Amino acid sequence: MDDSGLYTAPNSSMETTVTVVCGECSDVSTITVTNHSPTVATSAAAEQVPATATISLSVLGADSDPTGEAGLTYTWTAITYPEGATISFSDANGDNDGKSVTATVDMLASTSFR
């Protein structure tokens, strides 16, 4: 807990006791943190279809909260591409099915994604 009274939960499971004091009253609460941040189960990969501007993109996350990996959203973005190029993604981009998408660039050139 910081000086302003704000408690920031850690990024790991743990149990901690917090004492709340306000004027004449005080209360003790136990807080259990159980939801970890998602992790990468399979690193991102890209595979270009030869002689085309179609690229298959894939990645797989892991999450220990109750919804698991099915609760994760995957969104791909082109970060470097040729000036004037148009990039489109398959409909799966931006939801859980986005773990595997197809990107199409309207010209053959070097393109980077994240």
PDB file of N, CA and C in Angstrom:
ATOM      1  N   MET A   1       0.850  -1.166   0.000  1.00  0.00           N
ATOM      2  CA  MET A   1       0.000   0.000   0.000  1.00  0.00           C
ATOM      3  C   MET A   1       0.903   1.237   0.000  1.00  0.00           C
ATOM      4  N   ASP A   2       0.557   2.201  -0.846  1.00  0.00           N
ATOM      5  CA  ASP A   2       1.389   3.393  -0.897  1.00  0.00           C
ATOM      6  C   ASP A   2       0.895   4.436   0.113  1.00  0.00           C
ATOM      7  N   ASP A   3       1.555   5.600   0.160  1.00  0.00           N
ATOM      8  CA  ASP A   3       1.230   6.632   1.153  1.00  0.00           C
ATOM      9  C   ASP A   3      -0.187   7.174   1.013  1.00  0.00           C
ATOM     10  N   SER A   4      -0.758   7.071  -0.188  1.00  0.00           N
ATOM     11  CA  SER A   4      -2.120   7.582  -0.388  1.00  0.00           C
ATOM     12  C   SER A   4      -3.177   6.558   0.008  1.00  0.00           C
ATOM     13  N   GLY A   5      -2.739   5.338   0.372  1.00  0.00           N
ATOM     14  CA  GLY A   5      -3.684   4.297   0.755  1.00  0.00           C
ATOM     15  C   GLY A   5      -4.086   3.386  -0.390  1.00  0.00           C
ATOM     16  N   LEU A   6      -3.453   3.552  -1.552  1.00  0.00           N
ATOM     17  CA  LEU A   6      -3.777   2.734  -2.714  1.00  0.00           C
ATOM     18  C   LEU A   6      -3.014   1.419  -2.642  1.00  0.00           C
ATOM     19  N   TYR A   7      -3.744   0.320  -2.756  1.00  0.00           N
ATOM     20  CA  TYR A   7      -3.120  -1.005  -2.774  1.00  0.00           C
ATOM     21  C   TYR A   7      -3.073  -1.502  -4.208  1.00  0.00           C
ATOM     22  N   THR A   8      -1.909  -1.872  -4.676  1.00  0.00           N
ATOM     23  CA  THR A   8      -1.747  -2.428  -6.017  1.00  0.00           C
ATOM     24  C   THR A   8      -1.434  -3.907  -5.872  1.00  0.00           C
ATOM     25  N   ALA A   9      -2.303  -4.746  -6.436  1.00  0.00           N
ATOM     26  CA  ALA A   9      -2.114  -6.186  -6.341  1.00  0.00           C
ATOM     27  C   ALA A   9      -0.915  -6.607  -7.172  1.00  0.00           C
ATOM     28  N   PRO A  10      -0.195  -7.630  -6.721  1.00  0.00           N
ATOM     29  CA  PRO A  10       0.961  -8.119  -7.472  1.00  0.00           C
ATOM     30  C   PRO A  10       0.529  -8.947  -8.669  1.00  0.00           C
ATOM     31  N   ASN A  11       1.481  -9.293  -9.513  1.00  0.00           N
ATOM     32  CA  ASN A  11       1.205 -10.097 -10.695  1.00  0.00           C
ATOM     33  C   ASN A  11       1.424 -11.579 -10.395  1.00  0.00           C
ATOM     34  N   SER A  12       1.122 -12.008  -9.194  1.00  0.00           N
ATOM     35  CA  SER A  12       1.255 -13.416  -8.836  1.00  0.00           C
ATOM     36  C   SER A  12       0.251 -13.724  -7.729  1.00  0.00           C
ATOM     37  N   SER A  13      -0.099 -14.990  -7.587  1.00  0.00           N
ATOM     38  CA  SER A  13      -1.042 -15.377  -6.545  1.00  0.00           C
ATOM     39  C   SER A  13      -0.399 -15.160  -5.185  1.00  0.00           C
ATOM     40  N   MET A  14      -1.147 -14.591  -4.295  1.00  0.00           N
ATOM     41  CA  MET A  14      -0.663 -14.385  -2.934  1.00  0.00           C
ATOM     42  C   MET A  14      -1.823 -13.979  -2.036  1.00  0.00           C
ATOM     43  N   GLU A  15      -1.637 -14.074  -0.763  1.00  0.00           N
ATOM     44  CA  GLU A  15      -2.622 -13.616   0.197  1.00  0.00           C
ATOM     45  C   GLU A  15      -1.962 -12.539   1.034  1.00  0.00           C
ATOM     46  N   THR A  16      -2.668 -11.449   1.272  1.00  0.00           N
ATOM     47  CA  THR A  16      -2.115 -10.363   2.070  1.00  0.00           C
ATOM     48  C   THR A  16      -3.207  -9.809   2.968  1.00  0.00           C
ATOM     49  N   THR A  17      -2.819  -9.221   4.075  1.00  0.00           N
ATOM     50  CA  THR A  17      -3.770  -8.621   5.006  1.00  0.00           C
ATOM     51  C   THR A  17      -3.661  -7.106   4.910  1.00  0.00           C
ATOM     52  N   VAL A  18      -4.806  -6.450   4.793  1.00  0.00           N
ATOM     53  CA  VAL A  18      -4.854  -5.003   4.695  1.00  0.00           C
ATOM     54  C   VAL A  18      -5.668  -4.486   5.877  1.00  0.00           C
ATOM     55  N   THR A  19      -5.136  -3.520   6.608  1.00  0.00           N
ATOM     56  CA  THR A  19      -5.858  -2.899   7.716  1.00  0.00           C
ATOM     57  C   THR A  19      -6.335  -1.529   7.265  1.00  0.00           C
ATOM     58  N   VAL A  20      -7.637  -1.303   7.386  1.00  0.00           N
ATOM     59  CA  VAL A  20      -8.233  -0.037   6.990  1.00  0.00           C
ATOM     60  C   VAL A  20      -8.530   0.747   8.262  1.00  0.00           C
ATOM     61  N   VAL A  21      -8.031   1.985   8.348  1.00  0.00           N
ATOM     62  CA  VAL A  21      -8.248   2.834   9.508  1.00  0.00           C
ATOM     63  C   VAL A  21      -8.867   4.138   9.036  1.00  0.00           C
ATOM     64  N   CYS A  22     -10.007   4.492   9.621  1.00  0.00           N
ATOM     65  CA  CYS A  22     -10.651   5.753   9.263  1.00  0.00           C
ATOM     66  C   CYS A  22     -11.234   6.372  10.528  1.00  0.00           C
ATOM     67  N   GLY A  23     -10.554   7.360  11.052  1.00  0.00           N
ATOM     68  CA  GLY A  23     -11.019   8.017  12.271  1.00  0.00           C
ATOM     69  C   GLY A  23     -11.004   7.060  13.451  1.00  0.00           C
ATOM     70  N   GLU A  24     -12.184   6.818  14.036  1.00  0.00           N
ATOM     71  CA  GLU A  24     -12.313   5.973  15.221  1.00  0.00           C
ATOM     72  C   GLU A  24     -12.479   4.489  14.889  1.00  0.00           C
ATOM     73  N   CYS A  25     -12.633   4.144  13.643  1.00  0.00           N
ATOM     74  CA  CYS A  25     -12.871   2.738  13.289  1.00  0.00           C
ATOM     75  C   CYS A  25     -11.654   2.137  12.588  1.00  0.00           C
ATOM     76  N   SER A  26     -11.587   0.842  12.634  1.00  0.00           N
ATOM     77  CA  SER A  26     -10.564   0.146  11.847  1.00  0.00           C
ATOM     78  C   SER A  26     -11.120  -1.228  11.502  1.00  0.00           C
ATOM     79  N   ASP A  27     -10.649  -1.787  10.440  1.00  0.00           N
ATOM     80  CA  ASP A  27     -11.111  -3.085   9.985  1.00  0.00           C
ATOM     81  C   ASP A  27      -9.934  -3.796   9.341  1.00  0.00           C
ATOM     82  N   VAL A  28      -9.908  -5.098   9.457  1.00  0.00           N
ATOM     83  CA  VAL A  28      -8.858  -5.899   8.861  1.00  0.00           C
ATOM     84  C   VAL A  28      -9.484  -6.796   7.814  1.00  0.00           C
ATOM     85  N   SER A  29      -8.912  -6.810   6.634  1.00  0.00           N
ATOM     86  CA  SER A  29      -9.404  -7.647   5.547  1.00  0.00           C
ATOM     87  C   SER A  29      -8.250  -8.448   4.974  1.00  0.00           C
ATOM     88  N   THR A  30      -8.564  -9.659   4.542  1.00  0.00           N
ATOM     89  CA  THR A  30      -7.577 -10.481   3.854  1.00  0.00           C
ATOM     90  C   THR A  30      -7.937 -10.485   2.380  1.00  0.00           C
ATOM     91  N   ILE A  31      -6.961 -10.180   1.542  1.00  0.00           N
ATOM     92  CA  ILE A  31      -7.164 -10.132   0.104  1.00  0.00           C
ATOM     93  C   ILE A  31      -6.353 -11.265  -0.506  1.00  0.00           C
ATOM     94  N   THR A  32      -6.999 -12.035  -1.365  1.00  0.00           N
ATOM     95  CA  THR A  32      -6.302 -13.100  -2.074  1.00  0.00           C
ATOM     96  C   THR A  32      -6.293 -12.776  -3.557  1.00  0.00           C
ATOM     97  N   VAL A  33      -5.118 -12.687  -4.134  1.00  0.00           N
ATOM     98  CA  VAL A  33      -4.965 -12.408  -5.558  1.00  0.00           C
ATOM     99  C   VAL A  33      -4.788 -13.747  -6.255  1.00  0.00           C
ATOM    100  N   THR A  34      -5.692 -14.046  -7.210  1.00  0.00           N
ATOM    101  CA  THR A  34      -5.608 -15.344  -7.887  1.00  0.00           C
ATOM    102  C   THR A  34      -5.539 -15.235  -9.400  1.00  0.00           C
ATOM    103  N   ASN A  35      -5.781 -14.076  -9.968  1.00  0.00           N
ATOM    104  CA  ASN A  35      -5.795 -13.948 -11.428  1.00  0.00           C
ATOM    105  C   ASN A  35      -4.453 -13.441 -11.918  1.00  0.00           C
ATOM    106  N   HIS A  36      -3.719 -14.282 -12.604  1.00  0.00           N
ATOM    107  CA  HIS A  36      -2.426 -13.891 -13.168  1.00  0.00           C
ATOM    108  C   HIS A  36      -2.640 -13.220 -14.519  1.00  0.00           C
ATOM    109  N   SER A  37      -1.670 -12.445 -14.945  1.00  0.00           N
ATOM    110  CA  SER A  37      -1.694 -11.880 -16.290  1.00  0.00           C
ATOM    111  C   SER A  37      -1.495 -13.004 -17.298  1.00  0.00           C
ATOM    112  N   PRO A  38      -2.059 -12.850 -18.492  1.00  0.00           N
ATOM    113  CA  PRO A  38      -1.843 -13.867 -19.523  1.00  0.00           C
ATOM    114  C   PRO A  38      -0.361 -13.972 -19.879  1.00  0.00           C
ATOM    115  N   THR A  39       0.029 -15.114 -20.371  1.00  0.00           N
ATOM    116  CA  THR A  39       1.389 -15.347 -20.832  1.00  0.00           C
ATOM    117  C   THR A  39       1.349 -15.863 -22.269  1.00  0.00           C
ATOM    118  N   VAL A  40       2.493 -15.970 -22.892  1.00  0.00           N
ATOM    119  CA  VAL A  40       2.573 -16.494 -24.261  1.00  0.00           C
ATOM    120  C   VAL A  40       2.852 -17.987 -24.179  1.00  0.00           C
ATOM    121  N   ALA A  41       1.947 -18.794 -24.751  1.00  0.00           N
ATOM    122  CA  ALA A  41       2.141 -20.240 -24.792  1.00  0.00           C
ATOM    123  C   ALA A  41       2.896 -20.641 -26.057  1.00  0.00           C
ATOM    124  N   THR A  42       2.589 -20.002 -27.172  1.00  0.00           N
ATOM    125  CA  THR A  42       3.277 -20.243 -28.441  1.00  0.00           C
ATOM    126  C   THR A  42       3.621 -18.886 -29.042  1.00  0.00           C
ATOM    127  N   SER A  43       4.888 -18.660 -29.309  1.00  0.00           N
ATOM    128  CA  SER A  43       5.331 -17.366 -29.839  1.00  0.00           C
ATOM    129  C   SER A  43       4.691 -17.054 -31.181  1.00  0.00           C
ATOM    130  N   ALA A  44       4.612 -15.770 -31.467  1.00  0.00           N
ATOM    131  CA  ALA A  44       4.040 -15.318 -32.731  1.00  0.00           C
ATOM    132  C   ALA A  44       4.873 -15.829 -33.897  1.00  0.00           C
ATOM    133  N   ALA A  45       4.178 -16.158 -34.978  1.00  0.00           N
ATOM    134  CA  ALA A  45       4.840 -16.646 -36.184  1.00  0.00           C
ATOM    135  C   ALA A  45       4.147 -16.071 -37.404  1.00  0.00           C
ATOM    136  N   ALA A  46       4.893 -15.920 -38.479  1.00  0.00           N
ATOM    137  CA  ALA A  46       4.335 -15.429 -39.744  1.00  0.00           C
ATOM    138  C   ALA A  46       4.867 -16.300 -40.863  1.00  0.00           C
ATOM    139  N   GLU A  47       3.994 -16.597 -41.813  1.00  0.00           N
ATOM    140  CA  GLU A  47       4.394 -17.385 -42.971  1.00  0.00           C
ATOM    141  C   GLU A  47       3.753 -16.783 -44.200  1.00  0.00           C
ATOM    142  N   GLN A  48       4.587 -16.340 -45.127  1.00  0.00           N
ATOM    143  CA  GLN A  48       4.077 -15.723 -46.343  1.00  0.00           C
ATOM    144  C   GLN A  48       3.845 -16.782 -47.412  1.00  0.00           C
ATOM    145  N   VAL A  49       2.708 -16.661 -48.076  1.00  0.00           N
ATOM    146  CA  VAL A  49       2.437 -17.520 -49.220  1.00  0.00           C
ATOM    147  C   VAL A  49       3.362 -17.063 -50.340  1.00  0.00           C
ATOM    148  N   PRO A  50       4.166 -17.971 -50.933  1.00  0.00           N
ATOM    149  CA  PRO A  50       5.139 -17.559 -51.959  1.00  0.00           C
ATOM    150  C   PRO A  50       4.502 -16.768 -53.111  1.00  0.00           C
ATOM    151  N   ALA A  51       5.203 -15.730 -53.532  1.00  0.00           N
ATOM    152  CA  ALA A  51       4.833 -14.889 -54.681  1.00  0.00           C
ATOM    153  C   ALA A  51       3.508 -14.165 -54.512  1.00  0.00           C
ATOM    154  N   THR A  52       3.038 -13.994 -53.286  1.00  0.00           N
ATOM    155  CA  THR A  52       1.827 -13.212 -53.038  1.00  0.00           C
ATOM    156  C   THR A  52       2.080 -12.292 -51.856  1.00  0.00           C
ATOM    157  N   ALA A  53       1.142 -11.454 -51.576  1.00  0.00           N
ATOM    158  CA  ALA A  53       1.227 -10.568 -50.419  1.00  0.00           C
ATOM    159  C   ALA A  53       0.261 -11.044 -49.337  1.00  0.00           C
ATOM    160  N   THR A  54       0.074 -12.362 -49.234  1.00  0.00           N
ATOM    161  CA  THR A  54      -0.789 -12.953 -48.210  1.00  0.00           C
ATOM    162  C   THR A  54       0.088 -13.589 -47.146  1.00  0.00           C
ATOM    163  N   ILE A  55      -0.136 -13.213 -45.890  1.00  0.00           N
ATOM    164  CA  ILE A  55       0.695 -13.680 -44.787  1.00  0.00           C
ATOM    165  C   ILE A  55      -0.198 -14.321 -43.734  1.00  0.00           C
ATOM    166  N   SER A  56       0.149 -15.536 -43.306  1.00  0.00           N
ATOM    167  CA  SER A  56      -0.566 -16.202 -42.216  1.00  0.00           C
ATOM    168  C   SER A  56       0.131 -15.831 -40.912  1.00  0.00           C
ATOM    169  N   LEU A  57      -0.626 -15.294 -39.949  1.00  0.00           N
ATOM    170  CA  LEU A  57      -0.086 -14.881 -38.659  1.00  0.00           C
ATOM    171  C   LEU A  57      -0.719 -15.735 -37.567  1.00  0.00           C
ATOM    172  N   SER A  58       0.096 -16.165 -36.597  1.00  0.00           N
ATOM    173  CA  SER A  58      -0.464 -16.963 -35.501  1.00  0.00           C
ATOM    174  C   SER A  58       0.313 -16.729 -34.218  1.00  0.00           C
ATOM    175  N   VAL A  59      -0.380 -16.900 -33.097  1.00  0.00           N
ATOM    176  CA  VAL A  59       0.198 -16.810 -31.757  1.00  0.00           C
ATOM    177  C   VAL A  59      -0.781 -17.505 -30.827  1.00  0.00           C
ATOM    178  N   LEU A  60      -0.332 -17.949 -29.653  1.00  0.00           N
ATOM    179  CA  LEU A  60      -1.243 -18.560 -28.691  1.00  0.00           C
ATOM    180  C   LEU A  60      -0.871 -18.093 -27.298  1.00  0.00           C
ATOM    181  N   GLY A  61      -1.845 -17.555 -26.584  1.00  0.00           N
ATOM    182  CA  GLY A  61      -1.633 -17.122 -25.212  1.00  0.00           C
ATOM    183  C   GLY A  61      -2.112 -18.181 -24.241  1.00  0.00           C
ATOM    184  N   ALA A  62      -1.840 -17.973 -22.972  1.00  0.00           N
ATOM    185  CA  ALA A  62      -2.330 -18.841 -21.901  1.00  0.00           C
ATOM    186  C   ALA A  62      -2.780 -17.927 -20.774  1.00  0.00           C
ATOM    187  N   ASP A  63      -3.865 -18.280 -20.112  1.00  0.00           N
ATOM    188  CA  ASP A  63      -4.378 -17.460 -19.023  1.00  0.00           C
ATOM    189  C   ASP A  63      -4.960 -18.378 -17.965  1.00  0.00           C
ATOM    190  N   SER A  64      -4.586 -18.142 -16.708  1.00  0.00           N
ATOM    191  CA  SER A  64      -5.028 -19.031 -15.639  1.00  0.00           C
ATOM    192  C   SER A  64      -6.344 -18.615 -14.994  1.00  0.00           C
ATOM    193  N   ASP A  65      -6.968 -17.522 -15.458  1.00  0.00           N
ATOM    194  CA  ASP A  65      -8.248 -17.160 -14.853  1.00  0.00           C
ATOM    195  C   ASP A  65      -9.323 -18.144 -15.331  1.00  0.00           C
ATOM    196  N   PRO A  66     -10.543 -18.094 -14.763  1.00  0.00           N
ATOM    197  CA  PRO A  66     -11.557 -19.115 -15.064  1.00  0.00           C
ATOM    198  C   PRO A  66     -11.911 -19.295 -16.540  1.00  0.00           C
ATOM    199  N   THR A  67     -11.835 -18.239 -17.355  1.00  0.00           N
ATOM    200  CA  THR A  67     -12.182 -18.404 -18.768  1.00  0.00           C
ATOM    201  C   THR A  67     -11.016 -18.968 -19.574  1.00  0.00           C
ATOM    202  N   GLY A  68      -9.813 -18.929 -19.024  1.00  0.00           N
ATOM    203  CA  GLY A  68      -8.643 -19.480 -19.703  1.00  0.00           C
ATOM    204  C   GLY A  68      -8.342 -18.770 -21.010  1.00  0.00           C
ATOM    205  N   GLU A  69      -7.662 -19.475 -21.890  1.00  0.00           N
ATOM    206  CA  GLU A  69      -7.251 -18.910 -23.176  1.00  0.00           C
ATOM    207  C   GLU A  69      -8.446 -18.441 -23.992  1.00  0.00           C
ATOM    208  N   ALA A  70      -9.589 -19.085 -23.839  1.00  0.00           N
ATOM    209  CA  ALA A  70     -10.786 -18.719 -24.611  1.00  0.00           C
ATOM    210  C   ALA A  70     -11.243 -17.289 -24.315  1.00  0.00           C
ATOM    211  N   GLY A  71     -10.833 -16.715 -23.196  1.00  0.00           N
ATOM    212  CA  GLY A  71     -11.216 -15.355 -22.840  1.00  0.00           C
ATOM    213  C   GLY A  71     -10.270 -14.294 -23.374  1.00  0.00           C
ATOM    214  N   LEU A  72      -9.203 -14.694 -24.037  1.00  0.00           N
ATOM    215  CA  LEU A  72      -8.232 -13.729 -24.562  1.00  0.00           C
ATOM    216  C   LEU A  72      -8.670 -13.191 -25.919  1.00  0.00           C
ATOM    217  N   THR A  73      -8.294 -11.952 -26.203  1.00  0.00           N
ATOM    218  CA  THR A  73      -8.556 -11.310 -27.488  1.00  0.00           C
ATOM    219  C   THR A  73      -7.216 -11.058 -28.163  1.00  0.00           C
ATOM    220  N   TYR A  74      -7.131 -11.418 -29.440  1.00  0.00           N
ATOM    221  CA  TYR A  74      -5.910 -11.246 -30.212  1.00  0.00           C
ATOM    222  C   TYR A  74      -6.172 -10.208 -31.302  1.00  0.00           C
ATOM    223  N   THR A  75      -5.329  -9.169 -31.357  1.00  0.00           N
ATOM    224  CA  THR A  75      -5.471  -8.130 -32.379  1.00  0.00           C
ATOM    225  C   THR A  75      -4.108  -7.870 -33.000  1.00  0.00           C
ATOM    226  N   TRP A  76      -4.016  -8.059 -34.299  1.00  0.00           N
ATOM    227  CA  TRP A  76      -2.789  -7.830 -35.044  1.00  0.00           C
ATOM    228  C   TRP A  76      -2.804  -6.426 -35.650  1.00  0.00           C
ATOM    229  N   THR A  77      -1.616  -5.813 -35.718  1.00  0.00           N
ATOM    230  CA  THR A  77      -1.450  -4.492 -36.307  1.00  0.00           C
ATOM    231  C   THR A  77      -0.192  -4.489 -37.165  1.00  0.00           C
ATOM    232  N   ALA A  78      -0.268  -3.904 -38.330  1.00  0.00           N
ATOM    233  CA  ALA A  78       0.931  -3.725 -39.152  1.00  0.00           C
ATOM    234  C   ALA A  78       1.682  -2.521 -38.598  1.00  0.00           C
ATOM    235  N   ILE A  79       2.965  -2.695 -38.284  1.00  0.00           N
ATOM    236  CA  ILE A  79       3.726  -1.591 -37.696  1.00  0.00           C
ATOM    237  C   ILE A  79       4.695  -0.960 -38.685  1.00  0.00           C
ATOM    238  N   THR A  80       5.162  -1.703 -39.668  1.00  0.00           N
ATOM    239  CA  THR A  80       5.941  -1.115 -40.761  1.00  0.00           C
ATOM    240  C   THR A  80       5.450  -1.723 -42.064  1.00  0.00           C
ATOM    241  N   TYR A  81       5.260  -0.888 -43.039  1.00  0.00           N
ATOM    242  CA  TYR A  81       4.783  -1.339 -44.347  1.00  0.00           C
ATOM    243  C   TYR A  81       5.064  -0.237 -45.354  1.00  0.00           C
ATOM    244  N   PRO A  82       5.026  -0.572 -46.650  1.00  0.00           N
ATOM    245  CA  PRO A  82       5.361   0.429 -47.662  1.00  0.00           C
ATOM    246  C   PRO A  82       4.360   1.579 -47.684  1.00  0.00           C
ATOM    247  N   GLU A  83       4.867   2.760 -47.947  1.00  0.00           N
ATOM    248  CA  GLU A  83       3.992   3.926 -48.051  1.00  0.00           C
ATOM    249  C   GLU A  83       2.933   3.667 -49.122  1.00  0.00           C
ATOM    250  N   GLY A  84       1.698   3.956 -48.790  1.00  0.00           N
ATOM    251  CA  GLY A  84       0.594   3.786 -49.719  1.00  0.00           C
ATOM    252  C   GLY A  84      -0.013   2.388 -49.730  1.00  0.00           C
ATOM    253  N   ALA A  85       0.583   1.455 -49.006  1.00  0.00           N
ATOM    254  CA  ALA A  85       0.050   0.091 -48.989  1.00  0.00           C
ATOM    255  C   ALA A  85      -1.228   0.026 -48.170  1.00  0.00           C
ATOM    256  N   THR A  86      -2.109  -0.859 -48.565  1.00  0.00           N
ATOM    257  CA  THR A  86      -3.324  -1.144 -47.811  1.00  0.00           C
ATOM    258  C   THR A  86      -3.199  -2.552 -47.258  1.00  0.00           C
ATOM    259  N   ILE A  87      -3.445  -2.701 -45.956  1.00  0.00           N
ATOM    260  CA  ILE A  87      -3.352  -4.003 -45.307  1.00  0.00           C
ATOM    261  C   ILE A  87      -4.725  -4.362 -44.763  1.00  0.00           C
ATOM    262  N   SER A  88      -5.166  -5.565 -45.061  1.00  0.00           N
ATOM    263  CA  SER A  88      -6.438  -6.033 -44.517  1.00  0.00           C
ATOM    264  C   SER A  88      -6.198  -7.346 -43.783  1.00  0.00           C
ATOM    265  N   PHE A  89      -7.025  -7.584 -42.774  1.00  0.00           N
ATOM    266  CA  PHE A  89      -6.922  -8.795 -41.964  1.00  0.00           C
ATOM    267  C   PHE A  89      -8.208  -9.590 -42.110  1.00  0.00           C
ATOM    268  N   SER A  90      -8.087 -10.901 -41.935  1.00  0.00           N
ATOM    269  CA  SER A  90      -9.282 -11.738 -41.957  1.00  0.00           C
ATOM    270  C   SER A  90     -10.204 -11.314 -40.811  1.00  0.00           C
ATOM    271  N   ASP A  91     -11.459 -11.675 -40.906  1.00  0.00           N
ATOM    272  CA  ASP A  91     -12.461 -11.270 -39.909  1.00  0.00           C
ATOM    273  C   ASP A  91     -12.103 -11.689 -38.493  1.00  0.00           C
ATOM    274  N   ALA A  92     -11.229 -12.674 -38.339  1.00  0.00           N
ATOM    275  CA  ALA A  92     -10.887 -13.167 -37.002  1.00  0.00           C
ATOM    276  C   ALA A  92     -10.098 -12.151 -36.184  1.00  0.00           C
ATOM    277  N   ASN A  93      -9.433 -11.192 -36.801  1.00  0.00           N
ATOM    278  CA  ASN A  93      -8.605 -10.233 -36.074  1.00  0.00           C
ATOM    279  C   ASN A  93      -9.464  -9.437 -35.097  1.00  0.00           C
ATOM    280  N   GLY A  94      -9.052  -9.405 -33.821  1.00  0.00           N
ATOM    281  CA  GLY A  94      -9.762  -8.610 -32.828  1.00  0.00           C
ATOM    282  C   GLY A  94     -10.661  -9.421 -31.916  1.00  0.00           C
ATOM    283  N   ASP A  95     -10.631 -10.743 -31.996  1.00  0.00           N
ATOM    284  CA  ASP A  95     -11.366 -11.588 -31.062  1.00  0.00           C
ATOM    285  C   ASP A  95     -10.516 -12.814 -30.752  1.00  0.00           C
ATOM    286  N   ASN A  96     -11.065 -13.814 -30.099  1.00  0.00           N
ATOM    287  CA  ASN A  96     -10.263 -14.982 -29.739  1.00  0.00           C
ATOM    288  C   ASN A  96      -9.774 -15.741 -30.960  1.00  0.00           C
ATOM    289  N   ASP A  97     -10.541 -15.725 -32.039  1.00  0.00           N
ATOM    290  CA  ASP A  97     -10.100 -16.404 -33.261  1.00  0.00           C
ATOM    291  C   ASP A  97      -8.911 -15.702 -33.910  1.00  0.00           C
ATOM    292  N   GLY A  98      -8.583 -14.499 -33.435  1.00  0.00           N
ATOM    293  CA  GLY A  98      -7.452 -13.744 -33.973  1.00  0.00           C
ATOM    294  C   GLY A  98      -6.107 -14.390 -33.692  1.00  0.00           C
ATOM    295  N   LYS A  99      -6.086 -15.479 -32.933  1.00  0.00           N
ATOM    296  CA  LYS A  99      -4.819 -16.180 -32.701  1.00  0.00           C
ATOM    297  C   LYS A  99      -4.261 -16.741 -34.005  1.00  0.00           C
ATOM    298  N   SER A 100      -5.101 -16.821 -35.027  1.00  0.00           N
ATOM    299  CA  SER A 100      -4.665 -17.282 -36.343  1.00  0.00           C
ATOM    300  C   SER A 100      -5.428 -16.487 -37.400  1.00  0.00           C
ATOM    301  N   VAL A 101      -4.742 -15.562 -38.071  1.00  0.00           N
ATOM    302  CA  VAL A 101      -5.392 -14.697 -39.060  1.00  0.00           C
ATOM    303  C   VAL A 101      -4.592 -14.685 -40.357  1.00  0.00           C
ATOM    304  N   THR A 102      -5.213 -14.156 -41.383  1.00  0.00           N
ATOM    305  CA  THR A 102      -4.545 -13.926 -42.652  1.00  0.00           C
ATOM    306  C   THR A 102      -4.504 -12.428 -42.888  1.00  0.00           C
ATOM    307  N   ALA A 103      -3.313 -11.923 -43.188  1.00  0.00           N
ATOM    308  CA  ALA A 103      -3.145 -10.514 -43.537  1.00  0.00           C
ATOM    309  C   ALA A 103      -2.837 -10.447 -45.027  1.00  0.00           C
ATOM    310  N   THR A 104      -3.432  -9.475 -45.689  1.00  0.00           N
ATOM    311  CA  THR A 104      -3.174  -9.281 -47.119  1.00  0.00           C
ATOM    312  C   THR A 104      -2.692  -7.859 -47.328  1.00  0.00           C
ATOM    313  N   VAL A 105      -1.530  -7.732 -47.955  1.00  0.00           N
ATOM    314  CA  VAL A 105      -0.953  -6.430 -48.282  1.00  0.00           C
ATOM    315  C   VAL A 105      -1.121  -6.267 -49.785  1.00  0.00           C
ATOM    316  N   ASP A 106      -1.595  -5.104 -50.218  1.00  0.00           N
ATOM    317  CA  ASP A 106      -1.907  -4.940 -51.644  1.00  0.00           C
ATOM    318  C   ASP A 106      -0.689  -4.729 -52.540  1.00  0.00           C
ATOM    319  N   MET A 107       0.526  -4.910 -51.977  1.00  0.00           N
ATOM    320  CA  MET A 107       1.743  -4.863 -52.797  1.00  0.00           C
ATOM    321  C   MET A 107       2.796  -5.733 -52.130  1.00  0.00           C
ATOM    322  N   LEU A 108       3.660  -6.342 -52.906  1.00  0.00           N
ATOM    323  CA  LEU A 108       4.757  -7.137 -52.353  1.00  0.00           C
ATOM    324  C   LEU A 108       5.816  -6.201 -51.799  1.00  0.00           C
ATOM    325  N   ALA A 109       6.082  -6.326 -50.503  1.00  0.00           N
ATOM    326  CA  ALA A 109       7.089  -5.482 -49.859  1.00  0.00           C
ATOM    327  C   ALA A 109       7.298  -5.997 -48.449  1.00  0.00           C
ATOM    328  N   SER A 110       8.303  -5.498 -47.782  1.00  0.00           N
ATOM    329  CA  SER A 110       8.582  -5.875 -46.406  1.00  0.00           C
ATOM    330  C   SER A 110       7.532  -5.252 -45.479  1.00  0.00           C
ATOM    331  N   THR A 111       6.930  -6.069 -44.634  1.00  0.00           N
ATOM    332  CA  THR A 111       5.904  -5.616 -43.698  1.00  0.00           C
ATOM    333  C   THR A 111       6.149  -6.266 -42.354  1.00  0.00           C
ATOM    334  N   SER A 112       5.994  -5.522 -41.249  1.00  0.00           N
ATOM    335  CA  SER A 112       6.157  -6.062 -39.907  1.00  0.00           C
ATOM    336  C   SER A 112       4.839  -5.974 -39.160  1.00  0.00           C
ATOM    337  N   PHE A 113       4.564  -6.968 -38.315  1.00  0.00           N
ATOM    338  CA  PHE A 113       3.320  -7.023 -37.547  1.00  0.00           C
ATOM    339  C   PHE A 113       3.626  -7.204 -36.073  1.00  0.00           C
ATOM    340  N   ARG A 114       2.658  -6.839 -35.237  1.00  0.00           N
ATOM    341  CA  ARG A 114       2.711  -7.176 -33.811  1.00  0.00           C
ATOM    342  C   ARG A 114       1.330  -7.437 -33.345  1.00  0.00           C
TER     343      ARG A 114
END
